[in-house]
Amino acid sequence: MTINKQQNGSVLTIAVQGRLDTTTAPDLEKEIKTGLDGVTELIMDFEKLDYISSAGLRVLLSAQKAMSKQGSMKVIHVSDLVMEVFEVTGFTDILTIE
């Protein structure tokens, strides 16, 4: 998995490429936690995300909770495969997906 972070003022975009699973989820969690100071909008770009497991979903839920206290979070460029996981798990009701 590759993580690319880009900050523009108070907007942080994190692009994730590859597989978000039990092996890689801790890396993403660390990147999110260390990057949220002063951030009012978190954008998760999943254009190149191939797979997400329950560990990845847990990281997203944690990020959503953190951002609800200081701003907003949205997930963009979600593939059909990842969207299916979001739909089955009910994450479409929790996350803002564009």
N, C-alpha and C. Protein backbone atom coordinates (compact mmCIF):
# COMPACT_ATOMS: atom_id res chain seq x y z
N MET A 1 0.85 -1.18 0.00
CA MET A 1 0.00 0.00 0.00
C MET A 1 0.89 1.24 0.00
N THR A 2 0.46 2.22 -0.76
CA THR A 2 1.15 3.51 -0.83
C THR A 2 0.20 4.58 -0.32
N ILE A 3 0.73 5.49 0.51
CA ILE A 3 -0.07 6.58 1.05
C ILE A 3 0.56 7.89 0.62
N ASN A 4 -0.22 8.75 -0.01
CA ASN A 4 0.25 10.08 -0.40
C ASN A 4 -0.59 11.12 0.31
N LYS A 5 0.08 12.00 1.07
CA LYS A 5 -0.63 13.05 1.79
C LYS A 5 -0.32 14.39 1.13
N GLN A 6 -1.38 15.20 1.00
CA GLN A 6 -1.20 16.54 0.44
C GLN A 6 -2.07 17.49 1.25
N GLN A 7 -1.45 18.52 1.83
CA GLN A 7 -2.20 19.47 2.64
C GLN A 7 -2.23 20.82 1.93
N ASN A 8 -3.43 21.40 1.90
CA ASN A 8 -3.62 22.72 1.31
C ASN A 8 -4.39 23.53 2.34
N GLY A 9 -3.68 24.30 3.16
CA GLY A 9 -4.32 25.02 4.24
C GLY A 9 -4.85 24.05 5.27
N SER A 10 -6.15 24.13 5.53
CA SER A 10 -6.75 23.24 6.53
C SER A 10 -7.39 22.00 5.90
N VAL A 11 -7.13 21.78 4.61
CA VAL A 11 -7.66 20.61 3.91
C VAL A 11 -6.54 19.59 3.70
N LEU A 12 -6.75 18.38 4.20
CA LEU A 12 -5.78 17.31 4.04
C LEU A 12 -6.37 16.23 3.14
N THR A 13 -5.65 15.91 2.07
CA THR A 13 -6.07 14.83 1.18
C THR A 13 -5.10 13.67 1.35
N ILE A 14 -5.66 12.50 1.60
CA ILE A 14 -4.84 11.29 1.73
C ILE A 14 -5.29 10.33 0.63
N ALA A 15 -4.37 10.06 -0.30
CA ALA A 15 -4.64 9.12 -1.39
C ALA A 15 -4.02 7.78 -1.04
N VAL A 16 -4.83 6.73 -1.13
CA VAL A 16 -4.38 5.39 -0.77
C VAL A 16 -4.38 4.52 -2.02
N GLN A 17 -3.26 3.82 -2.21
CA GLN A 17 -3.13 2.96 -3.38
C GLN A 17 -2.79 1.55 -2.93
N GLY A 18 -3.46 0.56 -3.51
CA GLY A 18 -3.18 -0.84 -3.18
C GLY A 18 -4.25 -1.46 -2.31
N ARG A 19 -3.82 -2.22 -1.30
CA ARG A 19 -4.74 -2.95 -0.43
C ARG A 19 -4.71 -2.37 0.98
N LEU A 20 -5.89 -2.12 1.53
CA LEU A 20 -6.02 -1.64 2.90
C LEU A 20 -6.57 -2.80 3.72
N ASP A 21 -5.65 -3.50 4.42
CA ASP A 21 -6.03 -4.70 5.16
C ASP A 21 -5.35 -4.71 6.52
N THR A 22 -5.36 -5.84 7.20
CA THR A 22 -4.81 -5.91 8.55
C THR A 22 -3.32 -5.58 8.59
N THR A 23 -2.62 -5.84 7.52
CA THR A 23 -1.19 -5.55 7.46
C THR A 23 -0.91 -4.06 7.28
N THR A 24 -1.72 -3.40 6.46
CA THR A 24 -1.44 -2.00 6.10
C THR A 24 -2.27 -0.98 6.87
N ALA A 25 -3.37 -1.39 7.48
CA ALA A 25 -4.25 -0.46 8.19
C ALA A 25 -3.52 0.34 9.28
N PRO A 26 -2.62 -0.28 10.07
CA PRO A 26 -1.91 0.51 11.09
C PRO A 26 -1.09 1.67 10.50
N ASP A 27 -0.55 1.47 9.30
CA ASP A 27 0.21 2.54 8.65
C ASP A 27 -0.69 3.72 8.32
N LEU A 28 -1.86 3.43 7.78
CA LEU A 28 -2.80 4.50 7.44
C LEU A 28 -3.29 5.19 8.71
N GLU A 29 -3.58 4.41 9.73
CA GLU A 29 -4.05 4.99 10.99
C GLU A 29 -3.02 5.96 11.56
N LYS A 30 -1.75 5.58 11.50
CA LYS A 30 -0.68 6.44 11.99
C LYS A 30 -0.60 7.73 11.18
N GLU A 31 -0.68 7.62 9.86
CA GLU A 31 -0.63 8.79 8.98
C GLU A 31 -1.78 9.75 9.27
N ILE A 32 -2.96 9.21 9.50
CA ILE A 32 -4.12 10.06 9.78
C ILE A 32 -3.96 10.75 11.13
N LYS A 33 -3.61 9.98 12.15
CA LYS A 33 -3.51 10.54 13.51
C LYS A 33 -2.45 11.64 13.60
N THR A 34 -1.34 11.46 12.89
CA THR A 34 -0.27 12.45 12.97
C THR A 34 -0.51 13.65 12.07
N GLY A 35 -1.52 13.59 11.22
CA GLY A 35 -1.73 14.67 10.27
C GLY A 35 -2.95 15.53 10.49
N LEU A 36 -3.70 15.32 11.57
CA LEU A 36 -4.98 16.02 11.72
C LEU A 36 -4.93 17.36 12.46
N ASP A 37 -3.78 17.75 12.99
CA ASP A 37 -3.69 19.04 13.67
C ASP A 37 -4.00 20.18 12.72
N GLY A 38 -5.01 20.97 13.06
CA GLY A 38 -5.38 22.12 12.25
C GLY A 38 -6.17 21.79 11.00
N VAL A 39 -6.53 20.53 10.82
CA VAL A 39 -7.28 20.10 9.63
C VAL A 39 -8.78 20.22 9.91
N THR A 40 -9.50 20.90 9.02
CA THR A 40 -10.95 21.00 9.15
C THR A 40 -11.68 20.15 8.10
N GLU A 41 -10.96 19.73 7.07
CA GLU A 41 -11.55 18.85 6.07
C GLU A 41 -10.55 17.78 5.69
N LEU A 42 -10.96 16.52 5.86
CA LEU A 42 -10.13 15.37 5.49
C LEU A 42 -10.77 14.71 4.27
N ILE A 43 -9.98 14.56 3.22
CA ILE A 43 -10.46 13.90 2.00
C ILE A 43 -9.66 12.62 1.82
N MET A 44 -10.37 11.52 1.79
CA MET A 44 -9.73 10.22 1.53
C MET A 44 -9.97 9.88 0.06
N ASP A 45 -8.90 9.83 -0.72
CA ASP A 45 -8.99 9.54 -2.15
C ASP A 45 -8.68 8.07 -2.38
N PHE A 46 -9.71 7.31 -2.76
CA PHE A 46 -9.57 5.87 -2.94
C PHE A 46 -9.55 5.46 -4.42
N GLU A 47 -9.15 6.38 -5.29
CA GLU A 47 -9.15 6.09 -6.72
C GLU A 47 -8.33 4.83 -7.06
N LYS A 48 -7.23 4.63 -6.35
CA LYS A 48 -6.34 3.50 -6.65
C LYS A 48 -6.36 2.45 -5.55
N LEU A 49 -7.40 2.48 -4.72
CA LEU A 49 -7.54 1.45 -3.68
C LEU A 49 -8.20 0.22 -4.28
N ASP A 50 -7.51 -0.93 -4.18
CA ASP A 50 -7.99 -2.17 -4.78
C ASP A 50 -8.87 -2.99 -3.86
N TYR A 51 -8.64 -2.84 -2.53
CA TYR A 51 -9.30 -3.74 -1.59
C TYR A 51 -9.33 -3.08 -0.22
N ILE A 52 -10.41 -3.30 0.53
CA ILE A 52 -10.48 -2.82 1.91
C ILE A 52 -11.06 -3.93 2.78
N SER A 53 -10.41 -4.17 3.93
CA SER A 53 -10.88 -5.20 4.87
C SER A 53 -11.53 -4.53 6.07
N SER A 54 -11.95 -5.34 7.02
CA SER A 54 -12.57 -4.79 8.23
C SER A 54 -11.59 -3.92 9.00
N ALA A 55 -10.31 -4.23 8.93
CA ALA A 55 -9.30 -3.40 9.60
C ALA A 55 -9.25 -2.01 8.97
N GLY A 56 -9.39 -1.96 7.66
CA GLY A 56 -9.43 -0.68 6.96
C GLY A 56 -10.68 0.10 7.31
N LEU A 57 -11.79 -0.59 7.42
CA LEU A 57 -13.04 0.06 7.80
C LEU A 57 -12.94 0.66 9.20
N ARG A 58 -12.27 -0.05 10.11
CA ARG A 58 -12.09 0.45 11.46
C ARG A 58 -11.29 1.76 11.45
N VAL A 59 -10.25 1.84 10.61
CA VAL A 59 -9.45 3.06 10.50
C VAL A 59 -10.32 4.22 9.98
N LEU A 60 -11.16 3.93 8.99
CA LEU A 60 -12.05 4.97 8.45
C LEU A 60 -13.04 5.45 9.51
N LEU A 61 -13.58 4.52 10.28
CA LEU A 61 -14.53 4.89 11.33
C LEU A 61 -13.85 5.77 12.38
N SER A 62 -12.65 5.41 12.74
CA SER A 62 -11.88 6.20 13.71
C SER A 62 -11.60 7.60 13.18
N ALA A 63 -11.24 7.69 11.91
CA ALA A 63 -10.97 9.00 11.29
C ALA A 63 -12.25 9.83 11.23
N GLN A 64 -13.36 9.18 10.91
CA GLN A 64 -14.65 9.88 10.84
C GLN A 64 -15.01 10.46 12.21
N LYS A 65 -14.82 9.68 13.26
CA LYS A 65 -15.12 10.15 14.61
C LYS A 65 -14.24 11.34 14.99
N ALA A 66 -12.94 11.26 14.66
CA ALA A 66 -12.02 12.35 14.98
C ALA A 66 -12.41 13.61 14.22
N MET A 67 -12.75 13.46 12.96
CA MET A 67 -13.07 14.63 12.14
C MET A 67 -14.43 15.23 12.49
N SER A 68 -15.33 14.44 13.04
CA SER A 68 -16.64 14.99 13.42
C SER A 68 -16.50 16.01 14.54
N LYS A 69 -15.38 15.96 15.27
CA LYS A 69 -15.12 16.91 16.35
C LYS A 69 -14.45 18.19 15.87
N GLN A 70 -13.84 18.15 14.67
CA GLN A 70 -13.08 19.31 14.23
C GLN A 70 -13.37 19.74 12.80
N GLY A 71 -14.30 19.07 12.13
CA GLY A 71 -14.60 19.45 10.76
C GLY A 71 -15.38 18.36 10.05
N SER A 72 -14.92 18.02 8.84
CA SER A 72 -15.64 17.03 8.05
C SER A 72 -14.66 16.10 7.34
N MET A 73 -15.22 14.97 6.90
CA MET A 73 -14.43 13.99 6.16
C MET A 73 -15.28 13.47 5.02
N LYS A 74 -14.64 13.29 3.86
CA LYS A 74 -15.34 12.65 2.75
C LYS A 74 -14.40 11.69 2.05
N VAL A 75 -15.01 10.70 1.41
CA VAL A 75 -14.27 9.69 0.66
C VAL A 75 -14.63 9.89 -0.81
N ILE A 76 -13.60 9.99 -1.66
CA ILE A 76 -13.85 10.24 -3.08
C ILE A 76 -13.22 9.15 -3.94
N HIS A 77 -13.71 9.06 -5.18
CA HIS A 77 -13.18 8.14 -6.20
C HIS A 77 -13.20 6.69 -5.73
N VAL A 78 -14.34 6.24 -5.22
CA VAL A 78 -14.46 4.88 -4.70
C VAL A 78 -14.80 3.92 -5.84
N SER A 79 -14.03 2.84 -5.93
CA SER A 79 -14.29 1.83 -6.97
C SER A 79 -15.56 1.05 -6.64
N ASP A 80 -16.08 0.35 -7.63
CA ASP A 80 -17.30 -0.45 -7.43
C ASP A 80 -17.08 -1.52 -6.36
N LEU A 81 -15.91 -2.13 -6.35
CA LEU A 81 -15.61 -3.19 -5.39
C LEU A 81 -15.60 -2.66 -3.96
N VAL A 82 -14.94 -1.53 -3.74
CA VAL A 82 -14.88 -0.93 -2.41
C VAL A 82 -16.27 -0.40 -2.02
N MET A 83 -17.00 0.17 -2.97
CA MET A 83 -18.35 0.67 -2.69
C MET A 83 -19.26 -0.47 -2.25
N GLU A 84 -19.08 -1.63 -2.84
CA GLU A 84 -19.88 -2.79 -2.46
C GLU A 84 -19.62 -3.16 -0.99
N VAL A 85 -18.37 -3.08 -0.56
CA VAL A 85 -18.03 -3.36 0.84
C VAL A 85 -18.69 -2.31 1.74
N PHE A 86 -18.63 -1.03 1.33
CA PHE A 86 -19.27 0.03 2.11
C PHE A 86 -20.78 -0.20 2.23
N GLU A 87 -21.41 -0.63 1.14
CA GLU A 87 -22.86 -0.86 1.14
C GLU A 87 -23.24 -2.03 2.04
N VAL A 88 -22.51 -3.14 1.93
CA VAL A 88 -22.81 -4.34 2.71
C VAL A 88 -22.63 -4.09 4.21
N THR A 89 -21.63 -3.27 4.56
CA THR A 89 -21.33 -3.03 5.97
C THR A 89 -22.09 -1.84 6.57
N GLY A 90 -22.85 -1.12 5.72
CA GLY A 90 -23.60 0.03 6.21
C GLY A 90 -22.78 1.31 6.29
N PHE A 91 -21.56 1.28 5.77
CA PHE A 91 -20.70 2.46 5.82
C PHE A 91 -21.20 3.57 4.90
N THR A 92 -22.08 3.25 3.95
CA THR A 92 -22.63 4.30 3.11
C THR A 92 -23.51 5.24 3.93
N ASP A 93 -24.01 4.77 5.07
CA ASP A 93 -24.82 5.61 5.96
C ASP A 93 -23.95 6.44 6.91
N ILE A 94 -22.71 6.01 7.10
CA ILE A 94 -21.81 6.66 8.05
C ILE A 94 -20.92 7.70 7.37
N LEU A 95 -20.41 7.33 6.19
CA LEU A 95 -19.44 8.16 5.50
C LEU A 95 -20.09 9.06 4.45
N THR A 96 -19.44 10.18 4.17
CA THR A 96 -19.81 11.01 3.02
C THR A 96 -18.97 10.51 1.85
N ILE A 97 -19.64 9.96 0.85
CA ILE A 97 -18.93 9.35 -0.29
C ILE A 97 -19.34 10.10 -1.55
N GLU A 98 -18.33 10.58 -2.28
CA GLU A 98 -18.58 11.32 -3.53
C GLU A 98 -17.93 10.61 -4.69
